[in-house]
Amino acid sequence: MATGSDKEREQEKVSTRKLQEEVGKRIRSIREEKGMNQTELAIKMNNRDRQVVQRLEKGKTNCSLNLLRLVAESLNVEIGELFKKV
């Protein structure tokens, strides 16, 4: 039987997943506006693997603020831009 706290934790996971997906869509949108491919962005992100960018854009990773800062710097935008709706 699920308790109230179990349901709250599950809702937190769902909310986090949605936010990851929204941020990922925004990263992809900005990257494409800048005419960059995933490999080019990964290289600008201190030679990260392209798969890092791919997972970010698909919302498949719960990334750190440091990684988001690096993405924003590599895209030459303020970090807040990554959280705007597409």
PDB file of N, CA and C in Angstrom:
ATOM      1  N   MET A   1       0.835  -1.178   0.000  1.00  0.00           N
ATOM      2  CA  MET A   1       0.000   0.000   0.000  1.00  0.00           C
ATOM      3  C   MET A   1       0.884   1.248   0.000  1.00  0.00           C
ATOM      4  N   ALA A   2       0.592   2.165  -0.902  1.00  0.00           N
ATOM      5  CA  ALA A   2       1.394   3.385  -1.019  1.00  0.00           C
ATOM      6  C   ALA A   2       0.963   4.392   0.047  1.00  0.00           C
ATOM      7  N   THR A   3       1.953   4.948   0.709  1.00  0.00           N
ATOM      8  CA  THR A   3       1.656   5.970   1.711  1.00  0.00           C
ATOM      9  C   THR A   3       1.651   7.339   1.050  1.00  0.00           C
ATOM     10  N   GLY A   4       1.233   8.334   1.826  1.00  0.00           N
ATOM     11  CA  GLY A   4       1.224   9.700   1.309  1.00  0.00           C
ATOM     12  C   GLY A   4       2.595  10.139   0.855  1.00  0.00           C
ATOM     13  N   SER A   5       3.628   9.788   1.619  1.00  0.00           N
ATOM     14  CA  SER A   5       4.986  10.205   1.245  1.00  0.00           C
ATOM     15  C   SER A   5       5.461   9.476  -0.007  1.00  0.00           C
ATOM     16  N   ASP A   6       5.030   8.214  -0.199  1.00  0.00           N
ATOM     17  CA  ASP A   6       5.374   7.488  -1.424  1.00  0.00           C
ATOM     18  C   ASP A   6       4.759   8.176  -2.633  1.00  0.00           C
ATOM     19  N   LYS A   7       3.523   8.596  -2.502  1.00  0.00           N
ATOM     20  CA  LYS A   7       2.838   9.282  -3.595  1.00  0.00           C
ATOM     21  C   LYS A   7       3.502  10.623  -3.883  1.00  0.00           C
ATOM     22  N   GLU A   8       3.919  11.312  -2.836  1.00  0.00           N
ATOM     23  CA  GLU A   8       4.609  12.600  -3.011  1.00  0.00           C
ATOM     24  C   GLU A   8       5.932  12.408  -3.730  1.00  0.00           C
ATOM     25  N   ARG A   9       6.668  11.376  -3.358  1.00  0.00           N
ATOM     26  CA  ARG A   9       7.955  11.105  -4.019  1.00  0.00           C
ATOM     27  C   ARG A   9       7.746  10.770  -5.491  1.00  0.00           C
ATOM     28  N   GLU A  10       6.710   9.991  -5.772  1.00  0.00           N
ATOM     29  CA  GLU A  10       6.425   9.635  -7.162  1.00  0.00           C
ATOM     30  C   GLU A  10       6.057  10.889  -7.959  1.00  0.00           C
ATOM     31  N   GLN A  11       5.270  11.780  -7.352  1.00  0.00           N
ATOM     32  CA  GLN A  11       4.901  13.028  -8.023  1.00  0.00           C
ATOM     33  C   GLN A  11       6.133  13.898  -8.261  1.00  0.00           C
ATOM     34  N   GLU A  12       7.065  13.911  -7.313  1.00  0.00           N
ATOM     35  CA  GLU A  12       8.313  14.659  -7.491  1.00  0.00           C
ATOM     36  C   GLU A  12       9.083  14.116  -8.689  1.00  0.00           C
ATOM     37  N   LYS A  13       9.126  12.785  -8.812  1.00  0.00           N
ATOM     38  CA  LYS A  13       9.832  12.168  -9.941  1.00  0.00           C
ATOM     39  C   LYS A  13       9.192  12.554 -11.265  1.00  0.00           C
ATOM     40  N   VAL A  14       7.863  12.550 -11.297  1.00  0.00           N
ATOM     41  CA  VAL A  14       7.141  12.916 -12.518  1.00  0.00           C
ATOM     42  C   VAL A  14       7.427  14.375 -12.863  1.00  0.00           C
ATOM     43  N   SER A  15       7.364  15.251 -11.870  1.00  0.00           N
ATOM     44  CA  SER A  15       7.629  16.676 -12.096  1.00  0.00           C
ATOM     45  C   SER A  15       9.055  16.911 -12.575  1.00  0.00           C
ATOM     46  N   THR A  16       9.994  16.195 -11.985  1.00  0.00           N
ATOM     47  CA  THR A  16      11.398  16.326 -12.382  1.00  0.00           C
ATOM     48  C   THR A  16      11.585  15.872 -13.825  1.00  0.00           C
ATOM     49  N   ARG A  17      10.967  14.743 -14.171  1.00  0.00           N
ATOM     50  CA  ARG A  17      11.068  14.229 -15.541  1.00  0.00           C
ATOM     51  C   ARG A  17      10.526  15.245 -16.548  1.00  0.00           C
ATOM     52  N   LYS A  18       9.388  15.857 -16.222  1.00  0.00           N
ATOM     53  CA  LYS A  18       8.801  16.859 -17.120  1.00  0.00           C
ATOM     54  C   LYS A  18       9.734  18.053 -17.275  1.00  0.00           C
ATOM     55  N   LEU A  19      10.318  18.501 -16.174  1.00  0.00           N
ATOM     56  CA  LEU A  19      11.249  19.634 -16.236  1.00  0.00           C
ATOM     57  C   LEU A  19      12.469  19.271 -17.071  1.00  0.00           C
ATOM     58  N   GLN A  20      13.013  18.077 -16.886  1.00  0.00           N
ATOM     59  CA  GLN A  20      14.167  17.625 -17.671  1.00  0.00           C
ATOM     60  C   GLN A  20      13.822  17.645 -19.159  1.00  0.00           C
ATOM     61  N   GLU A  21      12.632  17.183 -19.506  1.00  0.00           N
ATOM     62  CA  GLU A  21      12.221  17.154 -20.909  1.00  0.00           C
ATOM     63  C   GLU A  21      12.064  18.567 -21.465  1.00  0.00           C
ATOM     64  N   GLU A  22      11.476  19.473 -20.675  1.00  0.00           N
ATOM     65  CA  GLU A  22      11.302  20.857 -21.126  1.00  0.00           C
ATOM     66  C   GLU A  22      12.645  21.543 -21.334  1.00  0.00           C
ATOM     67  N   VAL A  23      13.560  21.351 -20.393  1.00  0.00           N
ATOM     68  CA  VAL A  23      14.902  21.943 -20.512  1.00  0.00           C
ATOM     69  C   VAL A  23      15.611  21.348 -21.723  1.00  0.00           C
ATOM     70  N   GLY A  24      15.466  20.059 -21.914  1.00  0.00           N
ATOM     71  CA  GLY A  24      16.091  19.400 -23.065  1.00  0.00           C
ATOM     72  C   GLY A  24      15.585  19.950 -24.385  1.00  0.00           C
ATOM     73  N   LYS A  25      14.269  20.172 -24.486  1.00  0.00           N
ATOM     74  CA  LYS A  25      13.694  20.755 -25.706  1.00  0.00           C
ATOM     75  C   LYS A  25      14.252  22.146 -25.936  1.00  0.00           C
ATOM     76  N   ARG A  26      14.408  22.897 -24.857  1.00  0.00           N
ATOM     77  CA  ARG A  26      14.926  24.261 -24.977  1.00  0.00           C
ATOM     78  C   ARG A  26      16.387  24.247 -25.420  1.00  0.00           C
ATOM     79  N   ILE A  27      17.168  23.333 -24.860  1.00  0.00           N
ATOM     80  CA  ILE A  27      18.576  23.215 -25.266  1.00  0.00           C
ATOM     81  C   ILE A  27      18.649  22.908 -26.764  1.00  0.00           C
ATOM     82  N   ARG A  28      17.857  21.941 -27.210  1.00  0.00           N
ATOM     83  CA  ARG A  28      17.850  21.575 -28.632  1.00  0.00           C
ATOM     84  C   ARG A  28      17.443  22.772 -29.487  1.00  0.00           C
ATOM     85  N   SER A  29      16.411  23.476 -29.069  1.00  0.00           N
ATOM     86  CA  SER A  29      15.920  24.625 -29.832  1.00  0.00           C
ATOM     87  C   SER A  29      16.998  25.704 -29.973  1.00  0.00           C
ATOM     88  N   ILE A  30      17.634  26.038 -28.866  1.00  0.00           N
ATOM     89  CA  ILE A  30      18.688  27.061 -28.893  1.00  0.00           C
ATOM     90  C   ILE A  30      19.855  26.592 -29.751  1.00  0.00           C
ATOM     91  N   ARG A  31      20.248  25.329 -29.568  1.00  0.00           N
ATOM     92  CA  ARG A  31      21.367  24.782 -30.349  1.00  0.00           C
ATOM     93  C   ARG A  31      21.068  24.876 -31.836  1.00  0.00           C
ATOM     94  N   GLU A  32      19.869  24.507 -32.226  1.00  0.00           N
ATOM     95  CA  GLU A  32      19.497  24.549 -33.636  1.00  0.00           C
ATOM     96  C   GLU A  32      19.426  25.992 -34.146  1.00  0.00           C
ATOM     97  N   GLU A  33      18.922  26.921 -33.319  1.00  0.00           N
ATOM     98  CA  GLU A  33      18.901  28.338 -33.703  1.00  0.00           C
ATOM     99  C   GLU A  33      20.308  28.844 -33.979  1.00  0.00           C
ATOM    100  N   LYS A  34      21.279  28.321 -33.232  1.00  0.00           N
ATOM    101  CA  LYS A  34      22.680  28.735 -33.379  1.00  0.00           C
ATOM    102  C   LYS A  34      23.371  27.997 -34.528  1.00  0.00           C
ATOM    103  N   GLY A  35      22.645  27.078 -35.170  1.00  0.00           N
ATOM    104  CA  GLY A  35      23.212  26.336 -36.303  1.00  0.00           C
ATOM    105  C   GLY A  35      24.259  25.320 -35.902  1.00  0.00           C
ATOM    106  N   MET A  36      24.145  24.805 -34.688  1.00  0.00           N
ATOM    107  CA  MET A  36      25.121  23.832 -34.194  1.00  0.00           C
ATOM    108  C   MET A  36      24.519  22.439 -34.216  1.00  0.00           C
ATOM    109  N   ASN A  37      25.378  21.428 -34.393  1.00  0.00           N
ATOM    110  CA  ASN A  37      24.918  20.063 -34.208  1.00  0.00           C
ATOM    111  C   ASN A  37      25.336  19.613 -32.802  1.00  0.00           C
ATOM    112  N   GLN A  38      24.895  18.428 -32.414  1.00  0.00           N
ATOM    113  CA  GLN A  38      25.178  17.945 -31.059  1.00  0.00           C
ATOM    114  C   GLN A  38      26.669  17.787 -30.807  1.00  0.00           C
ATOM    115  N   THR A  39      27.400  17.344 -31.791  1.00  0.00           N
ATOM    116  CA  THR A  39      28.844  17.159 -31.633  1.00  0.00           C
ATOM    117  C   THR A  39      29.538  18.495 -31.389  1.00  0.00           C
ATOM    118  N   GLU A  40      29.146  19.512 -32.139  1.00  0.00           N
ATOM    119  CA  GLU A  40      29.750  20.836 -31.959  1.00  0.00           C
ATOM    120  C   GLU A  40      29.480  21.374 -30.552  1.00  0.00           C
ATOM    121  N   LEU A  41      28.246  21.194 -30.073  1.00  0.00           N
ATOM    122  CA  LEU A  41      27.940  21.649 -28.715  1.00  0.00           C
ATOM    123  C   LEU A  41      28.756  20.864 -27.698  1.00  0.00           C
ATOM    124  N   ALA A  42      28.850  19.568 -27.877  1.00  0.00           N
ATOM    125  CA  ALA A  42      29.614  18.734 -26.948  1.00  0.00           C
ATOM    126  C   ALA A  42      31.075  19.178 -26.885  1.00  0.00           C
ATOM    127  N   ILE A  43      31.649  19.504 -28.019  1.00  0.00           N
ATOM    128  CA  ILE A  43      33.040  19.968 -28.057  1.00  0.00           C
ATOM    129  C   ILE A  43      33.180  21.287 -27.303  1.00  0.00           C
ATOM    130  N   LYS A  44      32.220  22.198 -27.497  1.00  0.00           N
ATOM    131  CA  LYS A  44      32.260  23.481 -26.779  1.00  0.00           C
ATOM    132  C   LYS A  44      32.096  23.288 -25.274  1.00  0.00           C
ATOM    133  N   MET A  45      31.476  22.181 -24.892  1.00  0.00           N
ATOM    134  CA  MET A  45      31.268  21.870 -23.475  1.00  0.00           C
ATOM    135  C   MET A  45      32.477  21.115 -22.928  1.00  0.00           C
ATOM    136  N   ASN A  46      33.647  21.623 -23.192  1.00  0.00           N
ATOM    137  CA  ASN A  46      34.900  21.026 -22.711  1.00  0.00           C
ATOM    138  C   ASN A  46      35.071  19.593 -23.185  1.00  0.00           C
ATOM    139  N   ASN A  47      34.802  19.393 -24.480  1.00  0.00           N
ATOM    140  CA  ASN A  47      35.015  18.097 -25.129  1.00  0.00           C
ATOM    141  C   ASN A  47      34.226  16.954 -24.492  1.00  0.00           C
ATOM    142  N   ARG A  48      32.977  17.224 -24.150  1.00  0.00           N
ATOM    143  CA  ARG A  48      32.088  16.165 -23.665  1.00  0.00           C
ATOM    144  C   ARG A  48      31.728  15.252 -24.833  1.00  0.00           C
ATOM    145  N   ASP A  49      31.227  14.102 -24.521  1.00  0.00           N
ATOM    146  CA  ASP A  49      30.764  13.158 -25.526  1.00  0.00           C
ATOM    147  C   ASP A  49      29.422  13.647 -26.078  1.00  0.00           C
ATOM    148  N   ARG A  50      29.186  13.437 -27.356  1.00  0.00           N
ATOM    149  CA  ARG A  50      27.933  13.847 -27.982  1.00  0.00           C
ATOM    150  C   ARG A  50      26.733  13.223 -27.286  1.00  0.00           C
ATOM    151  N   GLN A  51      26.916  12.042 -26.730  1.00  0.00           N
ATOM    152  CA  GLN A  51      25.824  11.359 -26.044  1.00  0.00           C
ATOM    153  C   GLN A  51      25.345  12.124 -24.814  1.00  0.00           C
ATOM    154  N   VAL A  52      26.219  12.916 -24.204  1.00  0.00           N
ATOM    155  CA  VAL A  52      25.814  13.761 -23.083  1.00  0.00           C
ATOM    156  C   VAL A  52      24.766  14.757 -23.571  1.00  0.00           C
ATOM    157  N   VAL A  53      25.039  15.395 -24.698  1.00  0.00           N
ATOM    158  CA  VAL A  53      24.101  16.358 -25.277  1.00  0.00           C
ATOM    159  C   VAL A  53      22.815  15.645 -25.681  1.00  0.00           C
ATOM    160  N   GLN A  54      22.953  14.493 -26.273  1.00  0.00           N
ATOM    161  CA  GLN A  54      21.788  13.725 -26.705  1.00  0.00           C
ATOM    162  C   GLN A  54      20.883  13.389 -25.514  1.00  0.00           C
ATOM    163  N   ARG A  55      21.456  12.922 -24.417  1.00  0.00           N
ATOM    164  CA  ARG A  55      20.665  12.587 -23.227  1.00  0.00           C
ATOM    165  C   ARG A  55      20.026  13.830 -22.627  1.00  0.00           C
ATOM    166  N   LEU A  56      20.757  14.941 -22.601  1.00  0.00           N
ATOM    167  CA  LEU A  56      20.193  16.193 -22.094  1.00  0.00           C
ATOM    168  C   LEU A  56      18.978  16.614 -22.919  1.00  0.00           C
ATOM    169  N   GLU A  57      19.128  16.589 -24.220  1.00  0.00           N
ATOM    170  CA  GLU A  57      18.058  17.043 -25.104  1.00  0.00           C
ATOM    171  C   GLU A  57      16.829  16.144 -25.036  1.00  0.00           C
ATOM    172  N   LYS A  58      17.019  14.891 -24.730  1.00  0.00           N
ATOM    173  CA  LYS A  58      15.891  13.967 -24.613  1.00  0.00           C
ATOM    174  C   LYS A  58      15.300  13.954 -23.204  1.00  0.00           C
ATOM    175  N   GLY A  59      15.923  14.702 -22.298  1.00  0.00           N
ATOM    176  CA  GLY A  59      15.435  14.732 -20.924  1.00  0.00           C
ATOM    177  C   GLY A  59      15.688  13.437 -20.186  1.00  0.00           C
ATOM    178  N   LYS A  60      16.735  12.733 -20.567  1.00  0.00           N
ATOM    179  CA  LYS A  60      17.040  11.418 -20.014  1.00  0.00           C
ATOM    180  C   LYS A  60      18.081  11.456 -18.902  1.00  0.00           C
ATOM    181  N   THR A  61      18.464  12.636 -18.469  1.00  0.00           N
ATOM    182  CA  THR A  61      19.477  12.719 -17.422  1.00  0.00           C
ATOM    183  C   THR A  61      19.117  13.822 -16.436  1.00  0.00           C
ATOM    184  N   ASN A  62      19.336  13.554 -15.191  1.00  0.00           N
ATOM    185  CA  ASN A  62      19.124  14.545 -14.141  1.00  0.00           C
ATOM    186  C   ASN A  62      20.474  15.216 -13.918  1.00  0.00           C
ATOM    187  N   CYS A  63      20.701  16.300 -14.627  1.00  0.00           N
ATOM    188  CA  CYS A  63      22.034  16.902 -14.651  1.00  0.00           C
ATOM    189  C   CYS A  63      22.233  17.911 -13.523  1.00  0.00           C
ATOM    190  N   SER A  64      23.473  18.210 -13.293  1.00  0.00           N
ATOM    191  CA  SER A  64      23.853  19.165 -12.254  1.00  0.00           C
ATOM    192  C   SER A  64      23.709  20.593 -12.767  1.00  0.00           C
ATOM    193  N   LEU A  65      23.663  21.514 -11.834  1.00  0.00           N
ATOM    194  CA  LEU A  65      23.658  22.928 -12.198  1.00  0.00           C
ATOM    195  C   LEU A  65      24.939  23.295 -12.934  1.00  0.00           C
ATOM    196  N   ASN A  66      26.028  22.669 -12.554  1.00  0.00           N
ATOM    197  CA  ASN A  66      27.299  22.936 -13.220  1.00  0.00           C
ATOM    198  C   ASN A  66      27.222  22.564 -14.697  1.00  0.00           C
ATOM    199  N   LEU A  67      26.604  21.428 -15.015  1.00  0.00           N
ATOM    200  CA  LEU A  67      26.472  21.019 -16.409  1.00  0.00           C
ATOM    201  C   LEU A  67      25.546  21.979 -17.158  1.00  0.00           C
ATOM    202  N   LEU A  68      24.463  22.416 -16.519  1.00  0.00           N
ATOM    203  CA  LEU A  68      23.571  23.380 -17.165  1.00  0.00           C
ATOM    204  C   LEU A  68      24.275  24.715 -17.399  1.00  0.00           C
ATOM    205  N   ARG A  69      25.111  25.114 -16.442  1.00  0.00           N
ATOM    206  CA  ARG A  69      25.895  26.341 -16.612  1.00  0.00           C
ATOM    207  C   ARG A  69      26.816  26.206 -17.815  1.00  0.00           C
ATOM    208  N   LEU A  70      27.448  25.058 -17.941  1.00  0.00           N
ATOM    209  CA  LEU A  70      28.353  24.801 -19.057  1.00  0.00           C
ATOM    210  C   LEU A  70      27.598  24.811 -20.388  1.00  0.00           C
ATOM    211  N   VAL A  71      26.404  24.225 -20.411  1.00  0.00           N
ATOM    212  CA  VAL A  71      25.574  24.244 -21.621  1.00  0.00           C
ATOM    213  C   VAL A  71      25.257  25.682 -21.993  1.00  0.00           C
ATOM    214  N   ALA A  72      24.787  26.457 -21.014  1.00  0.00           N
ATOM    215  CA  ALA A  72      24.421  27.856 -21.275  1.00  0.00           C
ATOM    216  C   ALA A  72      25.613  28.649 -21.803  1.00  0.00           C
ATOM    217  N   GLU A  73      26.755  28.492 -21.169  1.00  0.00           N
ATOM    218  CA  GLU A  73      27.960  29.205 -21.624  1.00  0.00           C
ATOM    219  C   GLU A  73      28.335  28.781 -23.041  1.00  0.00           C
ATOM    220  N   SER A  74      28.226  27.506 -23.320  1.00  0.00           N
ATOM    221  CA  SER A  74      28.584  26.986 -24.642  1.00  0.00           C
ATOM    222  C   SER A  74      27.624  27.474 -25.722  1.00  0.00           C
ATOM    223  N   LEU A  75      26.378  27.721 -25.331  1.00  0.00           N
ATOM    224  CA  LEU A  75      25.382  28.249 -26.265  1.00  0.00           C
ATOM    225  C   LEU A  75      25.356  29.783 -26.266  1.00  0.00           C
ATOM    226  N   ASN A  76      26.168  30.373 -25.378  1.00  0.00           N
ATOM    227  CA  ASN A  76      26.253  31.824 -25.255  1.00  0.00           C
ATOM    228  C   ASN A  76      24.904  32.448 -24.888  1.00  0.00           C
ATOM    229  N   VAL A  77      24.240  31.827 -23.889  1.00  0.00           N
ATOM    230  CA  VAL A  77      22.979  32.359 -23.362  1.00  0.00           C
ATOM    231  C   VAL A  77      23.048  32.361 -21.840  1.00  0.00           C
ATOM    232  N   GLU A  78      22.163  33.132 -21.214  1.00  0.00           N
ATOM    233  CA  GLU A  78      22.039  33.104 -19.761  1.00  0.00           C
ATOM    234  C   GLU A  78      21.391  31.781 -19.371  1.00  0.00           C
ATOM    235  N   ILE A  79      21.745  31.242 -18.221  1.00  0.00           N
ATOM    236  CA  ILE A  79      21.221  29.949 -17.802  1.00  0.00           C
ATOM    237  C   ILE A  79      19.690  29.951 -17.722  1.00  0.00           C
ATOM    238  N   GLY A  80      19.097  31.080 -17.381  1.00  0.00           N
ATOM    239  CA  GLY A  80      17.642  31.184 -17.304  1.00  0.00           C
ATOM    240  C   GLY A  80      16.957  30.889 -18.629  1.00  0.00           C
ATOM    241  N   GLU A  81      17.653  31.119 -19.731  1.00  0.00           N
ATOM    242  CA  GLU A  81      17.090  30.834 -21.058  1.00  0.00           C
ATOM    243  C   GLU A  81      16.773  29.350 -21.235  1.00  0.00           C
ATOM    244  N   LEU A  82      17.489  28.499 -20.517  1.00  0.00           N
ATOM    245  CA  LEU A  82      17.270  27.063 -20.635  1.00  0.00           C
ATOM    246  C   LEU A  82      15.958  26.619 -20.005  1.00  0.00           C
ATOM    247  N   PHE A  83      15.367  27.493 -19.180  1.00  0.00           N
ATOM    248  CA  PHE A  83      14.144  27.136 -18.469  1.00  0.00           C
ATOM    249  C   PHE A  83      12.892  27.771 -19.066  1.00  0.00           C
ATOM    250  N   LYS A  84      13.039  28.509 -20.143  1.00  0.00           N
ATOM    251  CA  LYS A  84      11.881  29.110 -20.805  1.00  0.00           C
ATOM    252  C   LYS A  84      11.168  28.071 -21.640  1.00  0.00           C
ATOM    253  N   LYS A  85       9.869  28.200 -21.768  1.00  0.00           N
ATOM    254  CA  LYS A  85       9.080  27.267 -22.584  1.00  0.00           C
ATOM    255  C   LYS A  85       9.435  27.428 -24.045  1.00  0.00           C
ATOM    256  N   VAL A  86       9.432  26.299 -24.754  1.00  0.00           N
ATOM    257  CA  VAL A  86       9.728  26.302 -26.196  1.00  0.00           C
ATOM    258  C   VAL A  86       8.515  26.791 -26.944  1.00  0.00           C
TER     259      VAL A  86
END
